[in-house]
Amino acid sequence: MRHPPPDGAAAIERSPVDARRISYAALMVAAALTGVYAETIPNFEVLTLVVFCSGVLLGARGGVLTMLIFSLLNPYGPAHPLVMAAQVAGEALTGAAGAAFATAGLPERPVPVRIASLAVAALLLTATFDLLTNLATGVMLGPVRLTLLQGIPFALWHIGWNIVLFVALGTPLVGVFAHYRTRLSPSR
């Protein structure tokens, strides 16, 4: 039985919890956490692609949530709060980019268009993430300029790896996740 709010209080409208959406989000977090254990080489990771695909599947909020939960459950422990904020901000942008990718209809485009779009997305998103996290590390440990310069080889490796990953695995995955995204739409 639903009771009205007390006098003067505003009613809070609650959207129904969608078990399918929660299940998909949990699977994406699990994929991100599993990918961390494969990372024995610095910046050799699948997290960026997982968060991007979370954005394709669940929208921008789902991509951000995936990264936030991952950061809190990271098996290596949480990073310094400033670095963790930079990580979450960088990957939040990645989740939002995945949502924009799906909204623009790019997963349904021909394979060459998807490949080119994903390669550019991987380059820009990874470069932004590395800049944010290296800047936060430099502010925390100093000196900033030296930290940014020393981060260049790792950033180049990270960008190269993510381009390969986005093109090789992202190309088919975004199509699949875009299909499942339609199943989560409120009109169904």
Protein backbone atom coordinates (compact mmCIF):
# COMPACT_ATOMS: atom_id res chain seq x y z
CA MET A 1 0.00 0.00 0.00
CA ARG A 2 1.40 3.39 -0.99
CA HIS A 3 1.06 6.22 1.52
CA PRO A 4 1.01 9.89 0.48
CA PRO A 5 3.91 12.06 1.66
CA PRO A 6 3.43 14.05 4.87
CA ASP A 7 2.03 17.57 4.58
CA GLY A 8 4.42 19.92 2.81
CA ALA A 9 6.74 17.14 1.59
CA ALA A 10 7.27 16.50 -2.09
CA ALA A 11 6.47 13.09 -3.49
CA ILE A 12 9.52 11.21 -4.73
CA GLU A 13 8.89 9.45 -7.97
CA ARG A 14 10.76 6.19 -8.18
CA SER A 15 11.41 4.44 -11.41
CA PRO A 16 10.99 0.68 -11.31
CA VAL A 17 14.23 -1.24 -10.95
CA ASP A 18 14.94 -3.14 -14.11
CA ALA A 19 16.52 -6.48 -13.26
CA ARG A 20 17.85 -6.89 -16.79
CA ARG A 21 19.63 -3.51 -16.67
CA ILE A 22 21.17 -4.34 -13.27
CA SER A 23 22.28 -7.74 -14.57
CA TYR A 24 23.95 -6.19 -17.61
CA ALA A 25 25.70 -3.61 -15.43
CA ALA A 26 26.95 -6.36 -13.11
CA LEU A 27 28.30 -8.33 -16.06
CA MET A 28 30.17 -5.29 -17.36
CA VAL A 29 31.74 -4.65 -13.94
CA ALA A 30 32.72 -8.33 -13.76
CA ALA A 31 34.34 -8.08 -17.20
CA ALA A 32 36.27 -5.00 -16.10
CA LEU A 33 37.46 -6.65 -12.89
CA THR A 34 38.45 -9.83 -14.75
CA GLY A 35 40.42 -7.79 -17.26
CA VAL A 36 42.50 -6.28 -14.47
CA TYR A 37 44.02 -9.64 -13.63
CA ALA A 38 45.34 -9.93 -17.20
CA GLU A 39 47.22 -6.66 -16.81
CA THR A 40 50.82 -7.62 -16.09
CA ILE A 41 52.24 -5.10 -18.56
CA PRO A 42 51.53 -1.45 -17.64
CA ASN A 43 48.63 0.05 -19.62
CA PHE A 44 47.76 -3.30 -21.22
CA GLU A 45 44.10 -3.26 -20.20
CA VAL A 46 40.55 -3.93 -21.38
CA LEU A 47 38.83 -1.55 -18.96
CA THR A 48 38.51 1.31 -21.45
CA LEU A 49 36.77 -0.92 -24.00
CA VAL A 50 34.50 -2.39 -21.31
CA VAL A 51 33.46 1.07 -20.12
CA PHE A 52 32.91 2.22 -23.72
CA CYS A 53 30.75 -0.84 -24.36
CA SER A 54 28.89 -0.18 -21.10
CA GLY A 55 28.06 3.24 -22.49
CA VAL A 56 26.84 1.65 -25.74
CA LEU A 57 24.70 -0.85 -23.82
CA LEU A 58 23.50 1.11 -20.80
CA GLY A 59 23.94 4.76 -21.77
CA ALA A 60 26.26 7.36 -20.29
CA ARG A 61 25.13 6.77 -16.71
CA GLY A 62 25.81 3.03 -17.05
CA GLY A 63 29.32 3.68 -18.34
CA VAL A 64 30.08 6.05 -15.47
CA LEU A 65 28.62 3.63 -12.94
CA THR A 66 30.71 0.76 -14.32
CA MET A 67 33.92 2.75 -13.80
CA LEU A 68 32.95 4.00 -10.36
CA ILE A 69 32.12 0.49 -9.12
CA PHE A 70 35.30 -0.84 -10.71
CA SER A 71 37.38 1.83 -8.93
CA LEU A 72 35.85 0.93 -5.59
CA LEU A 73 36.26 -2.84 -6.14
CA ASN A 74 39.69 -2.71 -7.81
CA PRO A 75 41.59 -5.79 -6.58
CA TYR A 76 44.77 -3.69 -6.28
CA GLY A 77 42.99 -1.31 -3.93
CA PRO A 78 41.82 2.23 -4.55
CA ALA A 79 44.21 4.82 -5.96
CA HIS A 80 44.98 8.09 -4.21
CA PRO A 81 41.69 10.09 -4.15
CA LEU A 82 43.00 12.68 -6.64
CA VAL A 83 44.18 9.98 -9.06
CA MET A 84 40.97 8.01 -8.57
CA ALA A 85 38.94 11.14 -9.36
CA ALA A 86 40.99 11.58 -12.55
CA GLN A 87 40.47 7.90 -13.45
CA VAL A 88 36.72 8.11 -12.90
CA ALA A 89 36.51 11.40 -14.85
CA GLY A 90 38.51 9.95 -17.75
CA GLU A 91 36.50 6.76 -17.93
CA ALA A 92 33.22 8.64 -17.37
CA LEU A 93 34.05 10.45 -20.58
CA THR A 94 34.63 7.04 -22.18
CA GLY A 95 31.22 5.78 -21.02
CA ALA A 96 29.56 8.95 -22.31
CA ALA A 97 31.40 8.54 -25.63
CA GLY A 98 30.08 4.97 -25.89
CA ALA A 99 26.55 6.24 -25.32
CA ALA A 100 27.03 8.97 -27.94
CA PHE A 101 28.45 6.37 -30.35
CA ALA A 102 25.28 4.29 -29.98
CA THR A 103 22.92 7.28 -30.11
CA ALA A 104 24.58 8.44 -33.35
CA GLY A 105 23.79 5.05 -34.89
CA LEU A 106 27.43 4.17 -35.52
CA PRO A 107 27.10 0.51 -34.43
CA GLU A 108 24.76 -0.06 -37.39
CA ARG A 109 27.13 1.57 -39.89
CA PRO A 110 29.29 -0.52 -42.27
CA VAL A 111 32.34 -2.20 -40.74
CA PRO A 112 34.93 0.21 -42.24
CA VAL A 113 33.07 3.17 -40.72
CA ARG A 114 32.89 1.43 -37.33
CA ILE A 115 36.60 0.58 -37.48
CA ALA A 116 37.61 4.16 -38.28
CA SER A 117 35.25 5.61 -35.66
CA LEU A 118 36.43 3.22 -32.97
CA ALA A 119 40.11 3.82 -33.77
CA VAL A 120 39.65 7.58 -33.43
CA ALA A 121 37.60 7.13 -30.25
CA ALA A 122 40.29 4.88 -28.73
CA LEU A 123 43.02 7.39 -29.58
CA LEU A 124 41.20 10.43 -28.18
CA LEU A 125 39.71 8.76 -25.11
CA THR A 126 42.93 7.01 -24.09
CA ALA A 127 45.03 10.15 -24.61
CA THR A 128 42.57 12.14 -22.49
CA PHE A 129 42.52 9.49 -19.77
CA ASP A 130 46.32 9.32 -19.65
CA LEU A 131 46.63 13.10 -19.57
CA LEU A 132 44.16 13.39 -16.69
CA THR A 133 45.69 10.60 -14.62
CA ASN A 134 49.30 11.67 -15.27
CA LEU A 135 48.39 15.26 -14.40
CA ALA A 136 46.78 14.10 -11.14
CA THR A 137 49.83 11.97 -10.36
CA GLY A 138 52.11 14.93 -11.07
CA VAL A 139 50.09 17.21 -8.82
CA MET A 140 50.16 14.60 -6.08
CA LEU A 141 53.85 13.61 -6.35
CA GLY A 142 55.35 16.46 -8.39
CA PRO A 143 56.93 17.78 -10.48
CA VAL A 144 54.06 17.91 -12.96
CA ARG A 145 56.11 18.58 -16.11
CA LEU A 146 58.50 15.70 -15.43
CA THR A 147 55.61 13.34 -14.62
CA LEU A 148 53.90 14.22 -17.90
CA LEU A 149 57.11 13.75 -19.90
CA GLN A 150 57.90 10.41 -18.25
CA GLY A 151 54.36 9.26 -18.95
CA ILE A 152 54.66 9.71 -22.73
CA PRO A 153 56.07 6.23 -23.56
CA PHE A 154 53.42 4.54 -21.40
CA ALA A 155 50.70 6.71 -22.94
CA LEU A 156 51.82 5.83 -26.47
CA TRP A 157 51.78 2.13 -25.61
CA HIS A 158 48.36 2.53 -23.97
CA ILE A 159 46.95 4.40 -26.97
CA GLY A 160 48.34 1.83 -29.43
CA TRP A 161 46.97 -1.09 -27.44
CA ASN A 162 43.52 0.47 -27.09
CA ILE A 163 43.33 1.24 -30.81
CA VAL A 164 44.07 -2.43 -31.58
CA LEU A 165 41.57 -3.59 -28.94
CA PHE A 166 38.79 -1.21 -30.02
CA VAL A 167 39.23 -2.18 -33.69
CA ALA A 168 39.61 -5.94 -33.18
CA LEU A 169 37.08 -6.56 -30.41
CA GLY A 170 35.10 -3.35 -30.30
CA THR A 171 33.93 -3.54 -33.90
CA PRO A 172 31.76 -6.65 -33.37
CA LEU A 173 30.96 -5.91 -29.71
CA VAL A 174 29.37 -2.50 -30.28
CA GLY A 175 26.96 -4.06 -32.77
CA VAL A 176 25.93 -6.72 -30.27
CA PHE A 177 25.61 -4.27 -27.38
CA ALA A 178 23.64 -1.82 -29.51
CA HIS A 179 21.19 -4.65 -30.30
CA TYR A 180 20.75 -5.40 -26.61
CA ARG A 181 20.46 -1.67 -25.85
CA THR A 182 17.22 -1.62 -27.85
CA ARG A 183 15.87 -4.37 -25.59
CA LEU A 184 16.43 -2.08 -22.60
CA SER A 185 14.57 0.87 -24.07
CA PRO A 186 11.54 2.00 -22.05
CA SER A 187 9.19 1.45 -24.99
CA ARG A 188 9.62 -2.33 -24.80
